[in-house]
Amino acid sequence: MNIELRLKPLSPKIGAEIPFPSYATAGAAGMDLRACIDTPITIRPLERVKVPTGFAIALPGPEYVALIFARSGLGNNYGVTLPNCVGVIDSDYRGEVIVGLTNLSDADYTIQPGDRVAQLAVMPVVQARVTVTDALDETERGAGGFGSTGKN
């Protein structure tokens, strides 16, 4: 499925020094987001920072959402990930795309200008109609929660 994602540069660096968000491969689900910063940012252990990307977006309509995910290399190799797990950009937001990062390791991590810091995936949205009820359908699982379906 192809949709148009309109992007408004907010910094003269975007498209010049710092590439526009792009898919690294033909099979990539998320576009790489880069740090639009003038000087390096060092994230100390357990510290949270907000990293600007230098652009704003417009999704085609309320049937889409843009989701920001951690880059697996940053998370697995360095412990740098998103403090809220997934960033949500609603279809009516027009401000700068900002990436929240946290350092879960015990060592400082430095982000350089232009570094890839996260991924942006555009996905369809289903808005549910809430119906209040006194009873829910019975299932085999029932109310079994965390770990109730087994370890493997």
Protein backbone atom coordinates (compact mmCIF):
# COMPACT_ATOMS: atom_id res chain seq x y z
CA MET A 1 0.00 0.00 0.00
CA ASN A 2 1.36 3.42 -0.94
CA ILE A 3 0.23 6.66 0.72
CA GLU A 4 1.54 10.19 0.67
CA LEU A 5 3.31 11.41 3.79
CA ARG A 6 3.84 15.15 3.51
CA LEU A 7 6.99 16.38 5.20
CA LYS A 8 7.79 20.01 6.07
CA PRO A 9 11.46 20.78 6.79
CA LEU A 10 11.80 22.99 9.86
CA SER A 11 15.59 23.21 9.62
CA PRO A 12 17.74 24.11 6.59
CA LYS A 13 19.84 21.03 7.44
CA ILE A 14 17.03 18.66 6.40
CA GLY A 15 17.63 17.48 2.84
CA ALA A 16 21.02 19.23 2.76
CA GLU A 17 23.28 17.95 5.58
CA ILE A 18 20.77 15.51 7.05
CA PRO A 19 18.87 13.15 4.74
CA PHE A 20 15.09 13.13 4.65
CA PRO A 21 13.51 10.15 6.46
CA SER A 22 13.91 7.13 4.23
CA TYR A 23 13.60 3.36 4.13
CA ALA A 24 17.02 1.67 4.33
CA THR A 25 15.89 -1.29 2.19
CA ALA A 26 13.00 -2.18 -0.09
CA GLY A 27 11.57 -4.44 2.63
CA ALA A 28 11.92 -1.99 5.53
CA ALA A 29 8.75 -1.23 7.50
CA GLY A 30 10.11 1.91 9.14
CA MET A 31 11.90 5.00 7.87
CA ASP A 32 15.10 6.04 9.60
CA LEU A 33 14.85 9.23 11.64
CA ARG A 34 18.00 11.26 12.18
CA ALA A 35 19.11 13.66 14.87
CA CYS A 36 18.84 17.25 13.64
CA ILE A 37 21.24 18.75 16.18
CA ASP A 38 24.12 21.22 15.99
CA THR A 39 26.33 19.56 18.58
CA PRO A 40 26.55 16.03 20.00
CA ILE A 41 24.17 15.01 22.79
CA THR A 42 25.50 12.66 25.48
CA ILE A 43 22.87 10.56 27.24
CA ARG A 44 24.03 9.49 30.67
CA PRO A 45 22.82 6.22 32.24
CA LEU A 46 19.07 6.36 32.98
CA GLU A 47 18.84 9.87 31.52
CA ARG A 48 16.04 10.86 29.12
CA VAL A 49 16.51 13.33 26.28
CA LYS A 50 14.37 14.77 23.49
CA VAL A 51 16.08 14.66 20.10
CA PRO A 52 14.74 16.96 17.37
CA THR A 53 14.40 15.66 13.82
CA GLY A 54 14.04 19.05 12.11
CA PHE A 55 10.74 18.33 10.35
CA ALA A 56 6.99 18.08 10.76
CA ILE A 57 4.62 15.72 8.94
CA ALA A 58 1.05 15.56 7.73
CA LEU A 59 -0.59 12.16 7.47
CA PRO A 60 -3.28 11.69 4.80
CA GLY A 61 -6.10 11.62 7.35
CA PRO A 62 -7.40 10.22 10.64
CA GLU A 63 -7.26 6.68 9.25
CA TYR A 64 -3.43 6.73 9.70
CA VAL A 65 -0.99 7.09 12.58
CA ALA A 66 2.78 7.49 12.55
CA LEU A 67 4.57 5.40 15.16
CA ILE A 68 8.11 5.96 16.37
CA PHE A 69 10.03 2.82 17.32
CA ALA A 70 13.51 2.27 18.74
CA ARG A 71 16.25 1.19 16.39
CA SER A 72 17.11 -2.39 17.33
CA GLY A 73 20.86 -1.76 17.06
CA LEU A 74 20.73 1.13 19.53
CA GLY A 75 18.54 -0.80 21.96
CA ASN A 76 20.30 -4.16 21.83
CA ASN A 77 23.88 -2.97 21.45
CA TYR A 78 23.88 0.19 23.59
CA GLY A 79 20.73 0.17 25.74
CA VAL A 80 19.42 3.34 24.07
CA THR A 81 15.69 3.09 23.47
CA LEU A 82 12.43 5.01 23.75
CA PRO A 83 11.28 5.68 27.33
CA ASN A 84 7.62 5.25 26.32
CA CYS A 85 8.32 2.20 24.08
CA VAL A 86 6.41 3.63 21.09
CA GLY A 87 5.87 7.27 20.17
CA VAL A 88 2.47 8.08 18.70
CA ILE A 89 2.02 10.88 16.16
CA ASP A 90 -1.67 11.53 15.61
CA SER A 91 -2.97 12.56 12.21
CA ASP A 92 -3.78 16.10 13.38
CA TYR A 93 -0.35 16.88 14.92
CA ARG A 94 1.68 19.43 12.95
CA GLY A 95 4.60 20.14 15.29
CA GLU A 96 8.17 18.94 14.98
CA VAL A 97 8.72 15.20 15.20
CA ILE A 98 10.73 14.70 18.38
CA VAL A 99 12.32 11.41 19.44
CA GLY A 100 12.43 10.70 23.16
CA LEU A 101 15.40 8.51 24.06
CA THR A 102 16.63 6.97 27.29
CA ASN A 103 19.88 5.23 28.11
CA LEU A 104 19.27 2.00 30.00
CA SER A 105 22.95 1.03 30.06
CA ASP A 106 25.58 1.88 32.65
CA ALA A 107 27.72 3.87 30.17
CA ASP A 108 27.29 7.25 28.51
CA TYR A 109 26.08 7.19 24.89
CA THR A 110 26.70 10.10 22.51
CA ILE A 111 24.47 10.99 19.58
CA GLN A 112 26.19 12.85 16.75
CA PRO A 113 24.44 15.27 14.38
CA GLY A 114 22.74 13.23 11.65
CA ASP A 115 22.84 9.92 13.53
CA ARG A 116 19.92 7.56 12.98
CA VAL A 117 18.04 7.58 16.30
CA ALA A 118 14.69 5.87 15.64
CA GLN A 119 12.31 4.51 13.01
CA LEU A 120 9.00 5.93 11.81
CA ALA A 121 6.27 3.56 10.59
CA VAL A 122 2.95 4.73 9.16
CA MET A 123 0.06 2.40 9.96
CA PRO A 124 -3.71 2.28 9.54
CA VAL A 125 -5.93 3.19 12.47
CA VAL A 126 -9.18 1.61 13.57
CA GLN A 127 -11.17 3.80 15.95
CA ALA A 128 -13.30 1.58 18.15
CA ARG A 129 -16.85 2.38 19.20
CA VAL A 130 -17.07 1.65 22.93
CA THR A 131 -20.11 -0.26 24.16
CA VAL A 132 -20.55 -0.62 27.91
CA THR A 133 -21.84 -4.05 28.94
CA ASP A 134 -22.38 -6.15 32.07
CA ALA A 135 -21.04 -9.35 30.46
CA LEU A 136 -18.36 -10.42 27.98
CA ASP A 137 -18.27 -13.54 25.79
CA GLU A 138 -16.75 -16.57 27.50
CA THR A 139 -13.49 -17.95 26.04
CA GLU A 140 -11.26 -20.93 26.78
CA ARG A 141 -8.62 -18.59 28.22
CA GLY A 142 -11.04 -16.50 30.26
CA ALA A 143 -9.36 -13.97 32.54
CA GLY A 144 -6.00 -15.75 32.52
CA GLY A 145 -3.35 -13.06 32.24
CA PHE A 146 0.42 -12.81 32.31
CA GLY A 147 1.93 -16.21 31.55
CA SER A 148 -1.39 -18.06 31.68
CA THR A 149 -0.91 -19.71 28.27
CA GLY A 150 2.40 -21.31 29.23
CA LYS A 151 6.09 -20.58 29.12
CA ASN A 152 6.84 -21.73 25.56
